[in-house]
């Protein structure tokens, strides 16, 4: 009887080891990505699939505009602004370098158009106009962005401006 149980245990061990080897063979190698840092997460299983230097500090570039858009859409949801509402264009927004939607201080621009300028054109001028319209000042809007980041669990994120 002991030999029989030993044989069953050995058979079960071989089966488990085989399944483990098959599963390991099906796990793909992390991708070669030309990035200093990245994270690939299966949100359903809450499992990290691939990563590289996930805690390193890097400039977020235009990802900053995603948080700006998030805060603007939150203001829309809370009815602090409307899509048809027009916002003035400050000299600060007008003088923004980089990507632009080419608005100027003589204009009153609908929020909907500014959102398109932020998202489609990645316009720094549109982003600053929205930041001033939603936050009162760019500096207050940045505080709102950082508060939202913390609320989302982004512990190591710090925004300095709405447009970078």
N, C-alpha and C. Protein backbone atom coordinates (compact mmCIF):
# COMPACT_ATOMS: atom_id res chain seq x y z
N UNK A 1 0.82 -1.18 0.00
CA UNK A 1 0.00 0.00 0.00
C UNK A 1 0.87 1.25 0.00
N UNK A 2 1.98 1.24 0.78
CA UNK A 2 2.87 2.39 0.82
C UNK A 2 3.51 2.65 -0.54
N UNK A 3 3.87 1.54 -1.26
CA UNK A 3 4.44 1.72 -2.59
C UNK A 3 3.40 2.31 -3.54
N UNK A 4 2.15 1.90 -3.37
CA UNK A 4 1.08 2.42 -4.21
C UNK A 4 0.90 3.93 -3.97
N UNK A 5 0.86 4.36 -2.68
CA UNK A 5 0.73 5.78 -2.36
C UNK A 5 1.95 6.55 -2.85
N UNK A 6 3.12 5.95 -2.73
CA UNK A 6 4.34 6.60 -3.22
C UNK A 6 4.29 6.79 -4.72
N UNK A 7 3.76 5.81 -5.43
CA UNK A 7 3.66 5.91 -6.89
C UNK A 7 2.67 7.00 -7.28
N UNK A 8 1.55 7.10 -6.55
CA UNK A 8 0.56 8.14 -6.83
C UNK A 8 1.15 9.52 -6.56
N UNK A 9 1.87 9.65 -5.44
CA UNK A 9 2.51 10.94 -5.12
C UNK A 9 3.50 11.33 -6.22
N UNK A 10 4.28 10.38 -6.68
CA UNK A 10 5.24 10.65 -7.74
C UNK A 10 4.53 11.07 -9.02
N UNK A 11 3.42 10.40 -9.33
CA UNK A 11 2.66 10.73 -10.53
C UNK A 11 2.07 12.14 -10.43
N UNK A 12 1.52 12.48 -9.25
CA UNK A 12 0.97 13.82 -9.03
C UNK A 12 2.08 14.86 -9.15
N UNK A 13 3.26 14.59 -8.59
CA UNK A 13 4.39 15.52 -8.67
C UNK A 13 4.79 15.76 -10.12
N UNK A 14 4.86 14.70 -10.90
CA UNK A 14 5.23 14.82 -12.31
C UNK A 14 4.19 15.64 -13.06
N UNK A 15 2.91 15.43 -12.77
CA UNK A 15 1.84 16.17 -13.43
C UNK A 15 1.92 17.66 -13.07
N UNK A 16 2.10 17.97 -11.80
CA UNK A 16 2.20 19.36 -11.37
C UNK A 16 3.43 20.02 -11.97
N UNK A 17 4.54 19.33 -11.97
CA UNK A 17 5.77 19.87 -12.55
C UNK A 17 5.60 20.11 -14.05
N UNK A 18 4.93 19.22 -14.74
CA UNK A 18 4.70 19.38 -16.17
C UNK A 18 3.83 20.60 -16.46
N UNK A 19 2.75 20.77 -15.69
CA UNK A 19 1.87 21.92 -15.88
C UNK A 19 2.65 23.21 -15.58
N UNK A 20 3.47 23.20 -14.55
CA UNK A 20 4.27 24.38 -14.21
C UNK A 20 5.24 24.72 -15.33
N UNK A 21 5.88 23.72 -15.91
CA UNK A 21 6.82 23.96 -17.01
C UNK A 21 6.09 24.49 -18.25
N UNK A 22 4.92 23.95 -18.53
CA UNK A 22 4.14 24.43 -19.67
C UNK A 22 3.73 25.88 -19.45
N UNK A 23 3.26 26.21 -18.24
CA UNK A 23 2.85 27.58 -17.93
C UNK A 23 4.04 28.52 -18.03
N UNK A 24 5.19 28.10 -17.53
CA UNK A 24 6.38 28.94 -17.60
C UNK A 24 6.82 29.13 -19.05
N UNK A 25 6.67 28.13 -19.85
CA UNK A 25 7.07 28.22 -21.26
C UNK A 25 6.14 29.17 -22.02
N UNK A 26 4.88 29.33 -21.57
CA UNK A 26 3.94 30.20 -22.25
C UNK A 26 4.05 31.65 -21.81
N UNK A 27 4.76 31.95 -20.73
CA UNK A 27 4.93 33.32 -20.28
C UNK A 27 5.92 34.02 -21.19
N UNK A 28 5.46 35.08 -21.88
CA UNK A 28 6.36 35.75 -22.82
C UNK A 28 7.44 36.54 -22.09
N UNK A 29 8.53 36.74 -22.76
CA UNK A 29 9.61 37.55 -22.22
C UNK A 29 9.16 39.02 -22.25
N UNK A 30 9.65 39.84 -21.33
CA UNK A 30 9.30 41.26 -21.37
C UNK A 30 9.68 41.86 -22.72
N UNK A 31 8.86 42.78 -23.20
CA UNK A 31 9.14 43.35 -24.52
C UNK A 31 10.36 44.27 -24.50
N UNK A 32 10.99 44.41 -25.64
CA UNK A 32 12.07 45.38 -25.80
C UNK A 32 11.41 46.71 -26.14
N UNK A 33 11.46 47.64 -25.21
CA UNK A 33 10.83 48.94 -25.40
C UNK A 33 11.89 50.02 -25.24
N UNK A 34 11.90 50.95 -26.15
CA UNK A 34 12.87 52.05 -26.10
C UNK A 34 12.35 53.12 -25.15
N UNK A 35 12.28 52.78 -23.88
CA UNK A 35 11.81 53.72 -22.86
C UNK A 35 12.66 53.53 -21.61
N UNK A 36 12.85 54.63 -20.89
CA UNK A 36 13.63 54.54 -19.65
C UNK A 36 12.85 53.82 -18.56
N UNK A 37 11.53 53.88 -18.66
CA UNK A 37 10.69 53.31 -17.62
C UNK A 37 9.36 52.90 -18.22
N UNK A 38 8.81 51.77 -17.77
CA UNK A 38 7.47 51.37 -18.22
C UNK A 38 6.87 50.36 -17.25
N UNK A 39 5.55 50.20 -17.36
CA UNK A 39 4.81 49.23 -16.55
C UNK A 39 3.69 48.67 -17.40
N UNK A 40 3.63 47.36 -17.49
CA UNK A 40 2.53 46.67 -18.17
C UNK A 40 1.80 45.87 -17.09
N UNK A 41 0.54 46.24 -16.85
CA UNK A 41 -0.22 45.68 -15.75
C UNK A 41 -1.49 45.04 -16.27
N UNK A 42 -1.76 43.82 -15.83
CA UNK A 42 -3.05 43.18 -16.08
C UNK A 42 -3.96 43.63 -14.95
N UNK A 43 -4.85 44.59 -15.24
CA UNK A 43 -5.68 45.16 -14.19
C UNK A 43 -6.73 44.18 -13.68
N UNK A 44 -7.11 43.22 -14.51
CA UNK A 44 -8.09 42.23 -14.07
C UNK A 44 -7.51 41.34 -12.98
N UNK A 45 -6.29 40.88 -13.19
CA UNK A 45 -5.63 40.01 -12.23
C UNK A 45 -4.77 40.79 -11.24
N UNK A 46 -4.66 42.12 -11.44
CA UNK A 46 -3.80 42.97 -10.63
C UNK A 46 -2.38 42.39 -10.56
N UNK A 47 -1.87 42.04 -11.74
CA UNK A 47 -0.56 41.40 -11.83
C UNK A 47 0.32 42.19 -12.80
N UNK A 48 1.54 42.46 -12.37
CA UNK A 48 2.50 43.13 -13.24
C UNK A 48 3.04 42.11 -14.23
N UNK A 49 2.88 42.42 -15.53
CA UNK A 49 3.35 41.51 -16.58
C UNK A 49 4.76 41.85 -17.03
N UNK A 50 5.10 43.12 -17.05
CA UNK A 50 6.44 43.56 -17.42
C UNK A 50 6.68 44.92 -16.79
N UNK A 51 7.94 45.20 -16.47
CA UNK A 51 8.28 46.47 -15.86
C UNK A 51 9.74 46.79 -16.06
N UNK A 52 10.02 48.08 -15.99
CA UNK A 52 11.41 48.53 -16.04
C UNK A 52 11.48 49.85 -15.28
N UNK A 53 12.26 49.91 -14.24
CA UNK A 53 12.49 51.13 -13.46
C UNK A 53 11.20 51.88 -13.15
N UNK A 54 10.21 51.19 -12.59
CA UNK A 54 8.90 51.81 -12.41
C UNK A 54 8.88 52.91 -11.35
N UNK A 55 9.88 52.98 -10.50
CA UNK A 55 9.91 54.03 -9.49
C UNK A 55 10.85 55.18 -9.85
N UNK A 56 11.44 55.14 -11.04
CA UNK A 56 12.34 56.22 -11.42
C UNK A 56 11.52 57.46 -11.77
N UNK A 57 12.08 58.63 -11.47
CA UNK A 57 11.38 59.88 -11.75
C UNK A 57 11.73 60.33 -13.16
N UNK A 58 10.69 60.58 -13.95
CA UNK A 58 10.88 61.04 -15.33
C UNK A 58 9.90 62.17 -15.62
N UNK A 59 10.22 62.97 -16.61
CA UNK A 59 9.31 64.02 -17.05
C UNK A 59 8.11 63.38 -17.72
N UNK A 60 6.89 63.78 -17.36
CA UNK A 60 5.70 63.12 -17.92
C UNK A 60 5.34 63.57 -19.33
N UNK A 61 5.95 64.65 -19.82
CA UNK A 61 5.68 65.17 -21.17
C UNK A 61 4.19 65.41 -21.34
N UNK A 62 3.64 65.05 -22.48
CA UNK A 62 2.22 65.35 -22.75
C UNK A 62 1.26 64.50 -21.94
N UNK A 63 1.75 63.55 -21.17
CA UNK A 63 0.86 62.83 -20.26
C UNK A 63 0.27 63.80 -19.23
N UNK A 64 0.95 64.91 -19.01
CA UNK A 64 0.43 65.95 -18.13
C UNK A 64 -0.92 66.44 -18.64
N UNK A 65 -1.06 66.53 -19.94
CA UNK A 65 -2.32 67.00 -20.51
C UNK A 65 -3.47 66.04 -20.22
N UNK A 66 -3.16 64.76 -20.04
CA UNK A 66 -4.22 63.82 -19.67
C UNK A 66 -4.81 64.17 -18.31
N UNK A 67 -3.94 64.54 -17.36
CA UNK A 67 -4.45 64.94 -16.05
C UNK A 67 -5.19 66.27 -16.16
N UNK A 68 -4.69 67.17 -16.99
CA UNK A 68 -5.40 68.43 -17.21
C UNK A 68 -6.80 68.15 -17.75
N UNK A 69 -6.89 67.27 -18.74
CA UNK A 69 -8.19 66.91 -19.30
C UNK A 69 -9.08 66.27 -18.24
N UNK A 70 -8.50 65.42 -17.41
CA UNK A 70 -9.26 64.75 -16.35
C UNK A 70 -9.89 65.79 -15.42
N UNK A 71 -9.10 66.80 -15.02
CA UNK A 71 -9.60 67.83 -14.11
C UNK A 71 -10.67 68.67 -14.81
N UNK A 72 -10.49 68.97 -16.09
CA UNK A 72 -11.49 69.73 -16.85
C UNK A 72 -12.78 68.93 -16.95
N UNK A 73 -12.69 67.64 -17.28
CA UNK A 73 -13.90 66.81 -17.38
C UNK A 73 -14.59 66.67 -16.03
N UNK A 74 -13.81 66.66 -14.96
CA UNK A 74 -14.40 66.63 -13.62
C UNK A 74 -15.18 67.91 -13.36
N UNK A 75 -14.64 69.04 -13.80
CA UNK A 75 -15.34 70.33 -13.65
C UNK A 75 -16.63 70.33 -14.48
N UNK A 76 -16.59 69.73 -15.66
CA UNK A 76 -17.81 69.61 -16.47
C UNK A 76 -18.85 68.75 -15.76
N UNK A 77 -18.40 67.61 -15.24
CA UNK A 77 -19.31 66.70 -14.54
C UNK A 77 -19.95 67.39 -13.34
N UNK A 78 -19.15 68.20 -12.63
CA UNK A 78 -19.65 68.90 -11.44
C UNK A 78 -20.41 70.18 -11.81
N UNK A 79 -20.53 70.45 -13.10
CA UNK A 79 -21.24 71.62 -13.61
C UNK A 79 -20.62 72.95 -13.18
N UNK A 80 -19.31 72.94 -12.98
CA UNK A 80 -18.59 74.19 -12.69
C UNK A 80 -18.38 74.98 -13.98
N UNK A 81 -18.34 74.26 -15.10
CA UNK A 81 -18.26 74.86 -16.43
C UNK A 81 -19.18 74.06 -17.34
N UNK A 82 -19.48 74.63 -18.52
CA UNK A 82 -20.27 73.91 -19.52
C UNK A 82 -19.52 73.91 -20.84
N UNK A 83 -19.88 73.00 -21.73
CA UNK A 83 -19.22 72.93 -23.03
C UNK A 83 -19.44 74.18 -23.86
N UNK A 84 -20.59 74.81 -23.70
CA UNK A 84 -20.91 75.99 -24.51
C UNK A 84 -20.40 77.29 -23.90
N UNK A 85 -20.00 77.25 -22.65
CA UNK A 85 -19.46 78.43 -21.98
C UNK A 85 -18.20 78.90 -22.70
N UNK A 86 -18.03 80.20 -22.81
CA UNK A 86 -16.81 80.72 -23.43
C UNK A 86 -15.85 81.19 -22.36
N UNK A 87 -14.57 81.03 -22.64
CA UNK A 87 -13.52 81.45 -21.72
C UNK A 87 -12.62 82.47 -22.43
N UNK A 88 -12.13 83.44 -21.67
CA UNK A 88 -11.20 84.40 -22.27
C UNK A 88 -9.83 83.76 -22.48
N UNK A 89 -9.06 84.39 -23.33
CA UNK A 89 -7.69 83.95 -23.60
C UNK A 89 -6.76 84.99 -22.99
N UNK A 90 -6.01 84.60 -21.98
CA UNK A 90 -5.10 85.53 -21.32
C UNK A 90 -3.82 85.68 -22.15
N UNK A 91 -3.08 86.76 -21.91
CA UNK A 91 -1.77 86.89 -22.58
C UNK A 91 -0.86 85.68 -22.28
N UNK A 92 -0.96 85.17 -21.07
CA UNK A 92 -0.14 84.00 -20.72
C UNK A 92 -0.46 82.81 -21.63
N UNK A 93 -1.76 82.53 -21.82
CA UNK A 93 -2.16 81.43 -22.71
C UNK A 93 -1.73 81.71 -24.14
N UNK A 94 -1.94 82.94 -24.59
CA UNK A 94 -1.61 83.33 -25.96
C UNK A 94 -0.12 83.18 -26.26
N UNK A 95 0.72 83.45 -25.29
CA UNK A 95 2.17 83.42 -25.50
C UNK A 95 2.80 82.05 -25.27
N UNK A 96 2.00 81.04 -25.00
CA UNK A 96 2.57 79.71 -24.72
C UNK A 96 3.36 79.20 -25.92
N UNK A 97 4.57 78.73 -25.67
CA UNK A 97 5.36 78.14 -26.76
C UNK A 97 4.92 76.71 -27.04
N UNK A 98 5.47 76.14 -28.07
CA UNK A 98 5.20 74.74 -28.40
C UNK A 98 3.94 74.58 -29.21
N UNK A 99 3.34 73.41 -29.06
CA UNK A 99 2.13 73.08 -29.80
C UNK A 99 1.00 74.04 -29.39
N UNK A 100 0.25 74.52 -30.40
CA UNK A 100 -0.77 75.53 -30.12
C UNK A 100 -2.01 75.33 -30.97
N UNK A 101 -3.11 75.95 -30.53
CA UNK A 101 -4.32 75.99 -31.34
C UNK A 101 -4.52 77.39 -31.92
N UNK A 102 -3.62 78.31 -31.59
CA UNK A 102 -3.57 79.67 -32.13
C UNK A 102 -4.79 80.51 -31.75
N UNK A 103 -5.01 80.60 -30.44
CA UNK A 103 -6.03 81.50 -29.90
C UNK A 103 -5.33 82.78 -29.45
N UNK A 104 -6.08 83.87 -29.36
CA UNK A 104 -5.44 85.12 -28.93
C UNK A 104 -6.33 85.87 -27.96
N UNK A 105 -5.78 86.88 -27.27
CA UNK A 105 -6.52 87.58 -26.22
C UNK A 105 -7.78 88.31 -26.67
N UNK A 106 -7.99 88.48 -27.95
CA UNK A 106 -9.21 89.12 -28.44
C UNK A 106 -10.38 88.13 -28.48
N UNK A 107 -10.09 86.86 -28.24
CA UNK A 107 -11.09 85.81 -28.43
C UNK A 107 -11.75 85.39 -27.11
N UNK A 108 -13.00 84.96 -27.24
CA UNK A 108 -13.72 84.24 -26.19
C UNK A 108 -13.99 82.87 -26.82
N UNK A 109 -13.40 81.81 -26.27
CA UNK A 109 -13.43 80.50 -26.93
C UNK A 109 -14.32 79.53 -26.14
N UNK A 110 -15.24 78.85 -26.83
CA UNK A 110 -16.07 77.85 -26.13
C UNK A 110 -15.21 76.74 -25.51
N UNK A 111 -15.63 76.30 -24.35
CA UNK A 111 -14.92 75.23 -23.64
C UNK A 111 -14.76 74.01 -24.55
N UNK A 112 -15.79 73.68 -25.29
CA UNK A 112 -15.72 72.52 -26.18
C UNK A 112 -14.56 72.66 -27.18
N UNK A 113 -14.38 73.84 -27.75
CA UNK A 113 -13.28 74.06 -28.69
C UNK A 113 -11.92 73.98 -27.99
N UNK A 114 -11.86 74.52 -26.79
CA UNK A 114 -10.60 74.45 -26.03
C UNK A 114 -10.24 73.01 -25.70
N UNK A 115 -11.25 72.21 -25.38
CA UNK A 115 -10.99 70.78 -25.10
C UNK A 115 -10.44 70.11 -26.35
N UNK A 116 -11.01 70.42 -27.51
CA UNK A 116 -10.47 69.86 -28.76
C UNK A 116 -9.04 70.34 -28.97
N UNK A 117 -8.78 71.59 -28.67
CA UNK A 117 -7.42 72.11 -28.80
C UNK A 117 -6.45 71.41 -27.86
N UNK A 118 -6.92 71.09 -26.66
CA UNK A 118 -6.08 70.38 -25.68
C UNK A 118 -5.82 68.95 -26.14
N UNK A 119 -6.88 68.24 -26.55
CA UNK A 119 -6.76 66.81 -26.83
C UNK A 119 -6.26 66.53 -28.25
N UNK A 120 -6.84 67.18 -29.24
CA UNK A 120 -6.51 66.87 -30.63
C UNK A 120 -5.19 67.53 -31.05
N UNK A 121 -5.06 68.81 -30.73
CA UNK A 121 -3.87 69.54 -31.16
C UNK A 121 -2.77 69.54 -30.10
N UNK A 122 -3.06 69.06 -28.92
CA UNK A 122 -2.13 69.11 -27.80
C UNK A 122 -1.68 70.55 -27.56
N UNK A 123 -2.62 71.47 -27.72
CA UNK A 123 -2.30 72.89 -27.66
C UNK A 123 -2.02 73.39 -26.26
N UNK A 124 -0.82 73.92 -26.07
CA UNK A 124 -0.46 74.49 -24.77
C UNK A 124 -1.30 75.72 -24.46
N UNK A 125 -1.63 76.51 -25.49
CA UNK A 125 -2.44 77.70 -25.28
C UNK A 125 -3.85 77.33 -24.82
N UNK A 126 -4.45 76.33 -25.44
CA UNK A 126 -5.78 75.88 -25.04
C UNK A 126 -5.77 75.31 -23.63
N UNK A 127 -4.71 74.58 -23.31
CA UNK A 127 -4.60 73.96 -21.98
C UNK A 127 -4.52 75.03 -20.90
N UNK A 128 -3.72 76.07 -21.14
CA UNK A 128 -3.60 77.15 -20.15
C UNK A 128 -4.91 77.92 -20.04
N UNK A 129 -5.60 78.18 -21.14
CA UNK A 129 -6.89 78.87 -21.09
C UNK A 129 -7.89 78.06 -20.26
N UNK A 130 -7.91 76.75 -20.45
CA UNK A 130 -8.81 75.90 -19.66
C UNK A 130 -8.40 75.89 -18.19
N UNK A 131 -7.11 75.82 -17.92
CA UNK A 131 -6.62 75.81 -16.54
C UNK A 131 -7.05 77.09 -15.82
N UNK A 132 -6.92 78.22 -16.50
CA UNK A 132 -7.32 79.49 -15.90
C UNK A 132 -8.84 79.54 -15.73
N UNK A 133 -9.58 79.00 -16.68
CA UNK A 133 -11.04 79.00 -16.59
C UNK A 133 -11.58 78.10 -15.50
N UNK A 134 -10.94 76.97 -15.30
CA UNK A 134 -11.41 76.01 -14.28
C UNK A 134 -10.83 76.33 -12.90
N UNK A 135 -9.55 76.66 -12.85
CA UNK A 135 -8.89 76.86 -11.56
C UNK A 135 -8.80 78.30 -11.09
N UNK A 136 -9.17 79.24 -11.96
CA UNK A 136 -9.00 80.64 -11.60
C UNK A 136 -7.62 81.14 -11.98
N UNK A 137 -6.61 80.36 -11.60
CA UNK A 137 -5.23 80.63 -11.99
C UNK A 137 -4.59 79.30 -12.39
N UNK A 138 -3.53 79.39 -13.15
CA UNK A 138 -2.80 78.17 -13.52
C UNK A 138 -2.26 77.49 -12.27
N UNK A 139 -1.77 78.28 -11.34
CA UNK A 139 -1.18 77.72 -10.11
C UNK A 139 -2.23 76.93 -9.31
N UNK A 140 -3.44 77.47 -9.20
CA UNK A 140 -4.49 76.75 -8.47
C UNK A 140 -4.90 75.49 -9.23
N UNK A 141 -4.96 75.58 -10.54
CA UNK A 141 -5.29 74.41 -11.36
C UNK A 141 -4.26 73.30 -11.14
N UNK A 142 -2.98 73.66 -11.06
CA UNK A 142 -1.92 72.67 -10.81
C UNK A 142 -2.12 72.03 -9.43
N UNK A 143 -2.54 72.82 -8.45
CA UNK A 143 -2.86 72.26 -7.13
C UNK A 143 -3.99 71.24 -7.27
N UNK A 144 -4.99 71.55 -8.08
CA UNK A 144 -6.11 70.63 -8.31
C UNK A 144 -5.60 69.34 -8.98
N UNK A 145 -4.69 69.47 -9.94
CA UNK A 145 -4.12 68.31 -10.61
C UNK A 145 -3.39 67.41 -9.60
N UNK A 146 -2.58 68.02 -8.74
CA UNK A 146 -1.83 67.24 -7.75
C UNK A 146 -2.74 66.59 -6.72
N UNK A 147 -3.81 67.28 -6.35
CA UNK A 147 -4.78 66.69 -5.41
C UNK A 147 -5.46 65.48 -6.06
N UNK A 148 -5.81 65.61 -7.33
CA UNK A 148 -6.45 64.50 -8.04
C UNK A 148 -5.49 63.32 -8.17
N UNK A 149 -4.23 63.61 -8.47
CA UNK A 149 -3.22 62.54 -8.58
C UNK A 149 -3.13 61.76 -7.26
N UNK A 150 -3.09 62.48 -6.17
CA UNK A 150 -3.02 61.81 -4.86
C UNK A 150 -4.27 60.98 -4.61
N UNK A 151 -5.45 61.53 -4.98
CA UNK A 151 -6.70 60.80 -4.79
C UNK A 151 -6.73 59.52 -5.61
N UNK A 152 -6.02 59.50 -6.74
CA UNK A 152 -5.95 58.31 -7.59
C UNK A 152 -4.84 57.35 -7.15
N UNK A 153 -4.12 57.70 -6.08
CA UNK A 153 -3.05 56.84 -5.58
C UNK A 153 -1.72 57.05 -6.25
N UNK A 154 -1.56 58.13 -6.97
CA UNK A 154 -0.30 58.44 -7.67
C UNK A 154 0.62 59.15 -6.68
N UNK A 155 1.23 58.38 -5.78
CA UNK A 155 1.99 58.92 -4.66
C UNK A 155 3.24 59.67 -5.08
N UNK A 156 3.87 59.26 -6.14
CA UNK A 156 5.14 59.86 -6.55
C UNK A 156 5.00 60.81 -7.73
N UNK A 157 3.79 61.30 -7.96
CA UNK A 157 3.55 62.20 -9.09
C UNK A 157 3.41 63.62 -8.58
N UNK A 158 4.09 64.54 -9.27
CA UNK A 158 4.02 65.95 -8.91
C UNK A 158 3.98 66.78 -10.19
N UNK A 159 2.87 67.46 -10.42
CA UNK A 159 2.72 68.31 -11.59
C UNK A 159 3.22 69.70 -11.28
N UNK A 160 3.86 70.33 -12.23
CA UNK A 160 4.37 71.69 -12.08
C UNK A 160 3.59 72.68 -12.95
N UNK A 161 2.95 72.16 -14.01
CA UNK A 161 2.16 72.99 -14.92
C UNK A 161 1.13 72.09 -15.60
N UNK A 162 0.14 72.70 -16.27
CA UNK A 162 -0.90 71.89 -16.89
C UNK A 162 -0.58 71.42 -18.31
N UNK A 163 0.47 71.94 -18.91
CA UNK A 163 0.66 71.73 -20.34
C UNK A 163 1.88 70.93 -20.75
N UNK A 164 2.79 70.66 -19.89
CA UNK A 164 4.11 70.11 -20.30
C UNK A 164 4.08 69.02 -21.31
